[in-house]
């Protein structure tokens, strides 16, 4: 039913535009069709949080890993979907070498030492260093299967580590998975405003709530005097967040211990409490 036909039906009195009480709700051609995919029937996933950025190298995987670890420490069942197919980082951060297996019901996620469920393309490849030389639609289809075919089970928070930009995979995630909100990761450089604006505009176009911004590499702390040194220039995240009406959920320093924890696969052992505001934000959803 096109717009002209819809108006005609309304004029004739058979449509009152109250979709909630309409027998055709959900399959009326006058309404845009949902592209959301059903997850496995055995899954019970309460909240899906995507970690995004307008460019690469700003620390999305770091923030994703820290959020999953922090929420796990709070007693929640957490999981991580590594949607960065061509640049997967999650297995490395958690020290995962085990490969994913499957049964007749679906694909089994790989568990970390503290019980966080993960799924990454590196958990399916024979060798971690094998390149994924696929075109966009194939990559996007793989991410969709991480949602539809993986046996995530009972999950309170599923974190999606997104690839940079606004291409095939982010579009697929926003259209196919019921994302409850996104966290935008940035760095202090001058182009941060543009990075945030791209991510925020895409989220708005897809009707996805933006929960807030995390600034990575915000400063480095002098080990002798404790002074915070803005290595990449003065932070502009508060100004940018204010322009978009967003919360700043954290400012992560350049932390040698944190970098070592990621590189050695021991992110779950890092004791810092750098994203407490982000944790509170998620608990308030």
C-alpha atoms as a PDB file:
ATOM      1  CA  UNK A   1       0.000   0.000   0.000  1.00  0.00           C
ATOM      2  CA  UNK A   2       1.603   3.247  -1.082  1.00  0.00           C
ATOM      3  CA  UNK A   3       1.010   6.615   0.575  1.00  0.00           C
ATOM      4  CA  UNK A   4      -1.806   7.533  -1.829  1.00  0.00           C
ATOM      5  CA  UNK A   5      -3.639   4.274  -1.154  1.00  0.00           C
ATOM      6  CA  UNK A   6      -3.136   4.646   2.587  1.00  0.00           C
ATOM      7  CA  UNK A   7      -4.721   8.099   2.560  1.00  0.00           C
ATOM      8  CA  UNK A   8      -7.640   6.713   0.592  1.00  0.00           C
ATOM      9  CA  UNK A   9      -8.194   3.931   3.150  1.00  0.00           C
ATOM     10  CA  UNK A  10      -7.985   6.450   5.991  1.00  0.00           C
ATOM     11  CA  UNK A  11     -10.562   8.678   4.296  1.00  0.00           C
ATOM     12  CA  UNK A  12     -12.886   5.691   3.901  1.00  0.00           C
ATOM     13  CA  UNK A  13     -12.621   5.018   7.616  1.00  0.00           C
ATOM     14  CA  UNK A  14     -11.088   1.540   7.566  1.00  0.00           C
ATOM     15  CA  UNK A  15      -7.675   2.695   8.864  1.00  0.00           C
ATOM     16  CA  UNK A  16      -7.261   4.911  11.924  1.00  0.00           C
ATOM     17  CA  UNK A  17      -3.413   4.767  11.905  1.00  0.00           C
ATOM     18  CA  UNK A  18      -3.528   3.040  15.298  1.00  0.00           C
ATOM     19  CA  UNK A  19      -1.062   0.285  14.475  1.00  0.00           C
ATOM     20  CA  UNK A  20      -1.077  -1.081  18.026  1.00  0.00           C
ATOM     21  CA  UNK A  21      -4.687  -2.273  17.704  1.00  0.00           C
ATOM     22  CA  UNK A  22      -4.537  -3.252  14.037  1.00  0.00           C
ATOM     23  CA  UNK A  23      -4.755  -6.890  12.949  1.00  0.00           C
ATOM     24  CA  UNK A  24      -2.279  -6.105  10.157  1.00  0.00           C
ATOM     25  CA  UNK A  25       0.356  -4.669  12.495  1.00  0.00           C
ATOM     26  CA  UNK A  26       3.785  -5.989  11.610  1.00  0.00           C
ATOM     27  CA  UNK A  27       2.924  -6.899   8.048  1.00  0.00           C
ATOM     28  CA  UNK A  28       1.134  -3.809   6.790  1.00  0.00           C
ATOM     29  CA  UNK A  29       2.813  -2.564   3.621  1.00  0.00           C
ATOM     30  CA  UNK A  30       2.209   1.018   4.676  1.00  0.00           C
ATOM     31  CA  UNK A  31       4.791   0.582   7.442  1.00  0.00           C
ATOM     32  CA  UNK A  32       8.539   0.088   6.882  1.00  0.00           C
ATOM     33  CA  UNK A  33       9.443  -3.596   7.243  1.00  0.00           C
ATOM     34  CA  UNK A  34      11.791  -4.618  10.028  1.00  0.00           C
ATOM     35  CA  UNK A  35      15.110  -6.142   8.942  1.00  0.00           C
ATOM     36  CA  UNK A  36      15.932  -7.444  12.424  1.00  0.00           C
ATOM     37  CA  UNK A  37      17.125 -11.037  12.510  1.00  0.00           C
ATOM     38  CA  UNK A  38      16.030 -13.524  15.168  1.00  0.00           C
ATOM     39  CA  UNK A  39      18.815 -14.870  17.329  1.00  0.00           C
ATOM     40  CA  UNK A  40      18.963 -18.568  18.176  1.00  0.00           C
ATOM     41  CA  UNK A  41      15.799 -19.630  20.029  1.00  0.00           C
ATOM     42  CA  UNK A  42      17.930 -20.910  22.915  1.00  0.00           C
ATOM     43  CA  UNK A  43      19.401 -17.448  23.536  1.00  0.00           C
ATOM     44  CA  UNK A  44      18.134 -14.897  26.037  1.00  0.00           C
ATOM     45  CA  UNK A  45      20.061 -11.676  25.373  1.00  0.00           C
ATOM     46  CA  UNK A  46      18.853  -8.710  27.420  1.00  0.00           C
ATOM     47  CA  UNK A  47      20.985  -5.801  26.184  1.00  0.00           C
ATOM     48  CA  UNK A  48      23.159  -5.317  23.098  1.00  0.00           C
ATOM     49  CA  UNK A  49      25.758  -2.532  23.266  1.00  0.00           C
ATOM     50  CA  UNK A  50      27.851  -1.633  20.205  1.00  0.00           C
ATOM     51  CA  UNK A  51      31.249   0.044  20.564  1.00  0.00           C
ATOM     52  CA  UNK A  52      31.847   2.266  17.527  1.00  0.00           C
ATOM     53  CA  UNK A  53      34.081   4.956  16.073  1.00  0.00           C
ATOM     54  CA  UNK A  54      34.370   6.936  12.884  1.00  0.00           C
ATOM     55  CA  UNK A  55      37.982   5.819  12.363  1.00  0.00           C
ATOM     56  CA  UNK A  56      40.335   3.006  13.260  1.00  0.00           C
ATOM     57  CA  UNK A  57      43.051   2.835  15.878  1.00  0.00           C
ATOM     58  CA  UNK A  58      41.260   4.719  18.647  1.00  0.00           C
ATOM     59  CA  UNK A  59      40.759   1.766  21.001  1.00  0.00           C
ATOM     60  CA  UNK A  60      37.331   0.234  20.349  1.00  0.00           C
ATOM     61  CA  UNK A  61      38.538  -3.282  21.168  1.00  0.00           C
ATOM     62  CA  UNK A  62      40.159  -2.018  24.365  1.00  0.00           C
ATOM     63  CA  UNK A  63      36.951  -0.321  25.515  1.00  0.00           C
ATOM     64  CA  UNK A  64      34.868  -3.348  24.491  1.00  0.00           C
ATOM     65  CA  UNK A  65      37.103  -5.680  26.487  1.00  0.00           C
ATOM     66  CA  UNK A  66      37.164  -3.443  29.549  1.00  0.00           C
ATOM     67  CA  UNK A  67      33.377  -3.038  29.515  1.00  0.00           C
ATOM     68  CA  UNK A  68      32.857  -6.803  29.304  1.00  0.00           C
ATOM     69  CA  UNK A  69      35.344  -7.395  32.134  1.00  0.00           C
ATOM     70  CA  UNK A  70      33.874  -4.670  34.348  1.00  0.00           C
ATOM     71  CA  UNK A  71      30.293  -5.835  33.885  1.00  0.00           C
ATOM     72  CA  UNK A  72      31.369  -9.429  34.558  1.00  0.00           C
ATOM     73  CA  UNK A  73      32.973  -8.328  37.819  1.00  0.00           C
ATOM     74  CA  UNK A  74      29.637  -6.779  38.774  1.00  0.00           C
ATOM     75  CA  UNK A  75      28.062 -10.208  38.476  1.00  0.00           C
ATOM     76  CA  UNK A  76      26.453  -9.933  35.035  1.00  0.00           C
ATOM     77  CA  UNK A  77      26.613 -12.563  32.317  1.00  0.00           C
ATOM     78  CA  UNK A  78      28.563 -10.828  29.568  1.00  0.00           C
ATOM     79  CA  UNK A  79      29.578 -11.705  26.034  1.00  0.00           C
ATOM     80  CA  UNK A  80      31.610 -10.131  23.215  1.00  0.00           C
ATOM     81  CA  UNK A  81      30.866 -10.371  19.514  1.00  0.00           C
ATOM     82  CA  UNK A  82      33.970  -9.417  17.521  1.00  0.00           C
ATOM     83  CA  UNK A  83      32.404  -7.822  14.438  1.00  0.00           C
ATOM     84  CA  UNK A  84      35.750  -6.541  13.121  1.00  0.00           C
ATOM     85  CA  UNK A  85      36.212  -9.451  10.715  1.00  0.00           C
ATOM     86  CA  UNK A  86      39.318  -8.166   8.940  1.00  0.00           C
ATOM     87  CA  UNK A  87      41.019  -6.922  12.102  1.00  0.00           C
ATOM     88  CA  UNK A  88      39.906  -9.113  15.021  1.00  0.00           C
ATOM     89  CA  UNK A  89      41.449  -8.218  18.387  1.00  0.00           C
ATOM     90  CA  UNK A  90      39.233  -9.797  21.038  1.00  0.00           C
ATOM     91  CA  UNK A  91      40.883 -13.266  21.208  1.00  0.00           C
ATOM     92  CA  UNK A  92      44.299 -11.634  21.627  1.00  0.00           C
ATOM     93  CA  UNK A  93      43.130  -9.347  24.432  1.00  0.00           C
ATOM     94  CA  UNK A  94      41.648 -12.279  26.367  1.00  0.00           C
ATOM     95  CA  UNK A  95      44.430 -14.738  25.588  1.00  0.00           C
ATOM     96  CA  UNK A  96      42.083 -17.072  23.710  1.00  0.00           C
ATOM     97  CA  UNK A  97      43.729 -19.782  21.632  1.00  0.00           C
ATOM     98  CA  UNK A  98      40.879 -22.304  21.676  1.00  0.00           C
ATOM     99  CA  UNK A  99      38.835 -22.655  18.494  1.00  0.00           C
ATOM    100  CA  UNK A 100      35.041 -22.505  18.373  1.00  0.00           C
ATOM    101  CA  UNK A 101      33.070 -25.720  17.955  1.00  0.00           C
ATOM    102  CA  UNK A 102      29.528 -26.456  16.858  1.00  0.00           C
ATOM    103  CA  UNK A 103      26.753 -28.979  17.370  1.00  0.00           C
ATOM    104  CA  UNK A 104      23.373 -29.589  15.808  1.00  0.00           C
ATOM    105  CA  UNK A 105      21.934 -26.584  17.672  1.00  0.00           C
ATOM    106  CA  UNK A 106      24.478 -23.972  16.608  1.00  0.00           C
ATOM    107  CA  UNK A 107      27.979 -22.580  17.122  1.00  0.00           C
ATOM    108  CA  UNK A 108      29.383 -22.617  20.663  1.00  0.00           C
ATOM    109  CA  UNK A 109      31.119 -19.406  21.790  1.00  0.00           C
ATOM    110  CA  UNK A 110      34.586 -19.588  23.303  1.00  0.00           C
ATOM    111  CA  UNK A 111      34.697 -18.801  27.028  1.00  0.00           C
ATOM    112  CA  UNK A 112      37.370 -16.658  28.661  1.00  0.00           C
ATOM    113  CA  UNK A 113      38.957 -17.545  32.011  1.00  0.00           C
ATOM    114  CA  UNK A 114      36.289 -15.600  33.929  1.00  0.00           C
ATOM    115  CA  UNK A 115      33.386 -16.940  31.896  1.00  0.00           C
ATOM    116  CA  UNK A 116      32.859 -14.231  29.259  1.00  0.00           C
ATOM    117  CA  UNK A 117      31.465 -15.714  26.041  1.00  0.00           C
ATOM    118  CA  UNK A 118      33.230 -14.594  22.852  1.00  0.00           C
ATOM    119  CA  UNK A 119      32.921 -15.131  19.132  1.00  0.00           C
ATOM    120  CA  UNK A 120      35.488 -13.899  16.630  1.00  0.00           C
ATOM    121  CA  UNK A 121      36.543 -14.875  13.138  1.00  0.00           C
ATOM    122  CA  UNK A 122      39.926 -15.822  14.637  1.00  0.00           C
ATOM    123  CA  UNK A 123      38.115 -18.486  16.665  1.00  0.00           C
ATOM    124  CA  UNK A 124      37.075 -20.069  13.369  1.00  0.00           C
ATOM    125  CA  UNK A 125      40.260 -19.690  11.303  1.00  0.00           C
ATOM    126  CA  UNK A 126      42.899 -22.434  11.355  1.00  0.00           C
ATOM    127  CA  UNK A 127      45.656 -19.874  11.911  1.00  0.00           C
ATOM    128  CA  UNK A 128      45.208 -16.531  13.685  1.00  0.00           C
ATOM    129  CA  UNK A 129      47.397 -14.778  11.122  1.00  0.00           C
ATOM    130  CA  UNK A 130      45.411 -15.975   8.094  1.00  0.00           C
ATOM    131  CA  UNK A 131      44.034 -12.877   6.320  1.00  0.00           C
ATOM    132  CA  UNK A 132      40.312 -12.587   5.652  1.00  0.00           C
ATOM    133  CA  UNK A 133      40.179 -11.503   2.001  1.00  0.00           C
ATOM    134  CA  UNK A 134      36.429 -11.257   1.574  1.00  0.00           C
ATOM    135  CA  UNK A 135      34.166  -8.705  -0.034  1.00  0.00           C
ATOM    136  CA  UNK A 136      31.820  -6.581   2.054  1.00  0.00           C
ATOM    137  CA  UNK A 137      28.594  -8.627   1.687  1.00  0.00           C
ATOM    138  CA  UNK A 138      30.356 -11.834   2.783  1.00  0.00           C
ATOM    139  CA  UNK A 139      31.868 -10.090   5.816  1.00  0.00           C
ATOM    140  CA  UNK A 140      28.508  -8.573   6.732  1.00  0.00           C
ATOM    141  CA  UNK A 141      26.844 -11.969   6.354  1.00  0.00           C
ATOM    142  CA  UNK A 142      29.362 -13.524   8.733  1.00  0.00           C
ATOM    143  CA  UNK A 143      28.603 -10.925  11.391  1.00  0.00           C
ATOM    144  CA  UNK A 144      24.892 -11.605  10.966  1.00  0.00           C
ATOM    145  CA  UNK A 145      25.552 -15.310  11.536  1.00  0.00           C
ATOM    146  CA  UNK A 146      27.366 -14.478  14.774  1.00  0.00           C
ATOM    147  CA  UNK A 147      23.954 -13.216  15.935  1.00  0.00           C
ATOM    148  CA  UNK A 148      21.702 -15.880  14.401  1.00  0.00           C
ATOM    149  CA  UNK A 149      23.797 -19.060  14.740  1.00  0.00           C
ATOM    150  CA  UNK A 150      25.854 -18.695  17.930  1.00  0.00           C
ATOM    151  CA  UNK A 151      24.538 -20.251  21.145  1.00  0.00           C
ATOM    152  CA  UNK A 152      25.121 -17.254  23.397  1.00  0.00           C
ATOM    153  CA  UNK A 153      22.717 -18.561  26.039  1.00  0.00           C
ATOM    154  CA  UNK A 154      21.630 -16.323  28.922  1.00  0.00           C
ATOM    155  CA  UNK A 155      23.409 -12.967  28.475  1.00  0.00           C
ATOM    156  CA  UNK A 156      22.808  -9.722  30.348  1.00  0.00           C
ATOM    157  CA  UNK A 157      25.097  -7.586  28.166  1.00  0.00           C
ATOM    158  CA  UNK A 158      26.352  -8.507  24.698  1.00  0.00           C
ATOM    159  CA  UNK A 159      29.083  -6.110  23.564  1.00  0.00           C
ATOM    160  CA  UNK A 160      29.712  -5.768  19.832  1.00  0.00           C
ATOM    161  CA  UNK A 161      33.226  -4.674  18.873  1.00  0.00           C
ATOM    162  CA  UNK A 162      32.565  -2.843  15.603  1.00  0.00           C
ATOM    163  CA  UNK A 163      34.938  -2.157  12.726  1.00  0.00           C
ATOM    164  CA  UNK A 164      35.693   1.516  12.066  1.00  0.00           C
ATOM    165  CA  UNK A 165      33.578   3.719   9.845  1.00  0.00           C
ATOM    166  CA  UNK A 166      30.023   3.528   8.556  1.00  0.00           C
ATOM    167  CA  UNK A 167      30.281   0.737   5.971  1.00  0.00           C
ATOM    168  CA  UNK A 168      28.705  -2.667   5.398  1.00  0.00           C
ATOM    169  CA  UNK A 169      29.247  -4.190   8.833  1.00  0.00           C
ATOM    170  CA  UNK A 170      27.979  -1.276  10.978  1.00  0.00           C
ATOM    171  CA  UNK A 171      24.965  -1.007   8.677  1.00  0.00           C
ATOM    172  CA  UNK A 172      24.325  -4.754   8.957  1.00  0.00           C
ATOM    173  CA  UNK A 173      24.629  -4.686  12.758  1.00  0.00           C
ATOM    174  CA  UNK A 174      22.271  -1.719  13.146  1.00  0.00           C
ATOM    175  CA  UNK A 175      19.706  -3.190  10.760  1.00  0.00           C
ATOM    176  CA  UNK A 176      19.897  -6.858  11.761  1.00  0.00           C
ATOM    177  CA  UNK A 177      20.570  -6.806  15.510  1.00  0.00           C
ATOM    178  CA  UNK A 178      18.393  -5.049  18.121  1.00  0.00           C
ATOM    179  CA  UNK A 179      21.100  -2.723  19.443  1.00  0.00           C
ATOM    180  CA  UNK A 180      20.068  -0.980  22.672  1.00  0.00           C
ATOM    181  CA  UNK A 181      22.734   1.703  22.475  1.00  0.00           C
ATOM    182  CA  UNK A 182      26.208   2.616  21.247  1.00  0.00           C
ATOM    183  CA  UNK A 183      29.312   3.920  22.955  1.00  0.00           C
ATOM    184  CA  UNK A 184      31.486   6.132  20.752  1.00  0.00           C
ATOM    185  CA  UNK A 185      35.257   5.859  21.234  1.00  0.00           C
ATOM    186  CA  UNK A 186      37.457   8.796  20.266  1.00  0.00           C
ATOM    187  CA  UNK A 187      40.954  10.191  20.741  1.00  0.00           C
ATOM    188  CA  UNK A 188      42.004  13.736  21.694  1.00  0.00           C
ATOM    189  CA  UNK A 189      43.182  14.878  18.250  1.00  0.00           C
ATOM    190  CA  UNK A 190      41.532  17.774  16.421  1.00  0.00           C
ATOM    191  CA  UNK A 191      39.537  15.515  14.110  1.00  0.00           C
ATOM    192  CA  UNK A 192      37.661  14.056  17.107  1.00  0.00           C
ATOM    193  CA  UNK A 193      34.678  16.285  16.392  1.00  0.00           C
ATOM    194  CA  UNK A 194      34.300  14.877  12.894  1.00  0.00           C
ATOM    195  CA  UNK A 195      34.734  11.304  14.143  1.00  0.00           C
ATOM    196  CA  UNK A 196      32.023  11.694  16.759  1.00  0.00           C
ATOM    197  CA  UNK A 197      29.663  13.471  14.408  1.00  0.00           C
ATOM    198  CA  UNK A 198      29.865  10.699  11.786  1.00  0.00           C
ATOM    199  CA  UNK A 199      29.131   7.994  14.348  1.00  0.00           C
ATOM    200  CA  UNK A 200      26.351   9.981  16.026  1.00  0.00           C
ATOM    201  CA  UNK A 201      24.669  10.850  12.733  1.00  0.00           C
ATOM    202  CA  UNK A 202      24.669   7.224  11.621  1.00  0.00           C
ATOM    203  CA  UNK A 203      23.175   6.152  14.947  1.00  0.00           C
ATOM    204  CA  UNK A 204      20.479   8.805  14.650  1.00  0.00           C
ATOM    205  CA  UNK A 205      19.642   7.711  11.110  1.00  0.00           C
ATOM    206  CA  UNK A 206      19.278   4.122  12.357  1.00  0.00           C
ATOM    207  CA  UNK A 207      17.324   5.181  15.479  1.00  0.00           C
ATOM    208  CA  UNK A 208      19.990   3.793  17.826  1.00  0.00           C
ATOM    209  CA  UNK A 209      20.520   5.633  21.160  1.00  0.00           C
ATOM    210  CA  UNK A 210      24.003   7.053  21.765  1.00  0.00           C
ATOM    211  CA  UNK A 211      24.874   6.295  25.391  1.00  0.00           C
ATOM    212  CA  UNK A 212      27.977   8.479  25.529  1.00  0.00           C
ATOM    213  CA  UNK A 213      31.606   8.983  24.560  1.00  0.00           C
ATOM    214  CA  UNK A 214      34.822   7.432  25.832  1.00  0.00           C
ATOM    215  CA  UNK A 215      38.060   9.252  25.070  1.00  0.00           C
ATOM    216  CA  UNK A 216      41.067   6.960  24.779  1.00  0.00           C
ATOM    217  CA  UNK A 217      44.725   8.080  25.037  1.00  0.00           C
ATOM    218  CA  UNK A 218      43.449  11.128  26.878  1.00  0.00           C
ATOM    219  CA  UNK A 219      46.661  11.713  28.831  1.00  0.00           C
ATOM    220  CA  UNK A 220      49.728  10.063  30.307  1.00  0.00           C
ATOM    221  CA  UNK A 221      50.485  10.323  34.011  1.00  0.00           C
ATOM    222  CA  UNK A 222      54.020  11.147  35.138  1.00  0.00           C
ATOM    223  CA  UNK A 223      55.244   8.211  37.284  1.00  0.00           C
ATOM    224  CA  UNK A 224      57.225  10.581  39.511  1.00  0.00           C
ATOM    225  CA  UNK A 225      54.940  13.529  40.242  1.00  0.00           C
ATOM    226  CA  UNK A 226      51.577  12.205  39.077  1.00  0.00           C
ATOM    227  CA  UNK A 227      50.946  15.128  36.730  1.00  0.00           C
ATOM    228  CA  UNK A 228      48.612  14.380  33.827  1.00  0.00           C
ATOM    229  CA  UNK A 229      50.234  15.263  30.507  1.00  0.00           C
ATOM    230  CA  UNK A 230      47.937  15.643  27.435  1.00  0.00           C
ATOM    231  CA  UNK A 231      50.268  13.905  25.012  1.00  0.00           C
ATOM    232  CA  UNK A 232      48.021  14.479  21.968  1.00  0.00           C
ATOM    233  CA  UNK A 233      46.893  17.958  22.929  1.00  0.00           C
ATOM    234  CA  UNK A 234      44.181  19.336  25.168  1.00  0.00           C
ATOM    235  CA  UNK A 235      41.091  17.177  25.354  1.00  0.00           C
ATOM    236  CA  UNK A 236      38.073  18.421  23.427  1.00  0.00           C
ATOM    237  CA  UNK A 237      35.745  15.587  24.337  1.00  0.00           C
ATOM    238  CA  UNK A 238      33.720  17.604  26.855  1.00  0.00           C
ATOM    239  CA  UNK A 239      33.068  20.324  24.280  1.00  0.00           C
ATOM    240  CA  UNK A 240      32.129  17.844  21.572  1.00  0.00           C
ATOM    241  CA  UNK A 241      29.909  15.871  23.929  1.00  0.00           C
ATOM    242  CA  UNK A 242      28.146  19.081  24.950  1.00  0.00           C
ATOM    243  CA  UNK A 243      27.491  20.000  21.328  1.00  0.00           C
ATOM    244  CA  UNK A 244      25.695  16.691  20.801  1.00  0.00           C
ATOM    245  CA  UNK A 245      24.055  16.495  24.214  1.00  0.00           C
ATOM    246  CA  UNK A 246      26.037  13.388  25.167  1.00  0.00           C
ATOM    247  CA  UNK A 247      27.666  12.134  28.362  1.00  0.00           C
ATOM    248  CA  UNK A 248      31.410  11.606  28.687  1.00  0.00           C
ATOM    249  CA  UNK A 249      31.661   8.077  30.051  1.00  0.00           C
ATOM    250  CA  UNK A 250      35.394   7.975  30.567  1.00  0.00           C
ATOM    251  CA  UNK A 251      38.816   9.381  29.748  1.00  0.00           C
ATOM    252  CA  UNK A 252      41.349   6.582  29.452  1.00  0.00           C
ATOM    253  CA  UNK A 253      45.023   7.376  29.981  1.00  0.00           C
ATOM    254  CA  UNK A 254      47.939   5.894  28.082  1.00  0.00           C
ATOM    255  CA  UNK A 255      48.586   3.178  30.646  1.00  0.00           C
ATOM    256  CA  UNK A 256      51.609   0.875  30.159  1.00  0.00           C
ATOM    257  CA  UNK A 257      50.094  -1.755  32.480  1.00  0.00           C
ATOM    258  CA  UNK A 258      46.857  -1.758  30.484  1.00  0.00           C
ATOM    259  CA  UNK A 259      48.721  -2.067  27.185  1.00  0.00           C
ATOM    260  CA  UNK A 260      50.737  -4.970  28.596  1.00  0.00           C
ATOM    261  CA  UNK A 261      47.554  -6.670  29.840  1.00  0.00           C
ATOM    262  CA  UNK A 262      46.066  -6.513  26.319  1.00  0.00           C
ATOM    263  CA  UNK A 263      49.227  -7.630  24.550  1.00  0.00           C
ATOM    264  CA  UNK A 264      49.710 -10.583  26.897  1.00  0.00           C
ATOM    265  CA  UNK A 265      46.073 -11.681  26.784  1.00  0.00           C
ATOM    266  CA  UNK A 266      45.452 -10.792  30.418  1.00  0.00           C
ATOM    267  CA  UNK A 267      42.885  -8.002  30.141  1.00  0.00           C
ATOM    268  CA  UNK A 268      40.811  -9.775  32.807  1.00  0.00           C
ATOM    269  CA  UNK A 269      43.650  -9.291  35.314  1.00  0.00           C
ATOM    270  CA  UNK A 270      43.821  -5.501  34.923  1.00  0.00           C
ATOM    271  CA  UNK A 271      42.698  -3.994  38.232  1.00  0.00           C
ATOM    272  CA  UNK A 272      42.036  -0.404  37.173  1.00  0.00           C
ATOM    273  CA  UNK A 273      38.529   1.056  37.394  1.00  0.00           C
ATOM    274  CA  UNK A 274      38.673   3.363  34.374  1.00  0.00           C
ATOM    275  CA  UNK A 275      35.107   3.063  33.075  1.00  0.00           C
ATOM    276  CA  UNK A 276      32.989   3.289  36.229  1.00  0.00           C
ATOM    277  CA  UNK A 277      30.722   5.949  34.693  1.00  0.00           C
ATOM    278  CA  UNK A 278      30.095   3.761  31.668  1.00  0.00           C
ATOM    279  CA  UNK A 279      29.213   0.842  33.936  1.00  0.00           C
ATOM    280  CA  UNK A 280      26.701   3.008  35.819  1.00  0.00           C
ATOM    281  CA  UNK A 281      25.220   4.139  32.511  1.00  0.00           C
ATOM    282  CA  UNK A 282      24.609   0.559  31.398  1.00  0.00           C
ATOM    283  CA  UNK A 283      23.122  -0.421  34.734  1.00  0.00           C
ATOM    284  CA  UNK A 284      20.681   2.467  34.454  1.00  0.00           C
ATOM    285  CA  UNK A 285      19.295   1.331  31.093  1.00  0.00           C
END
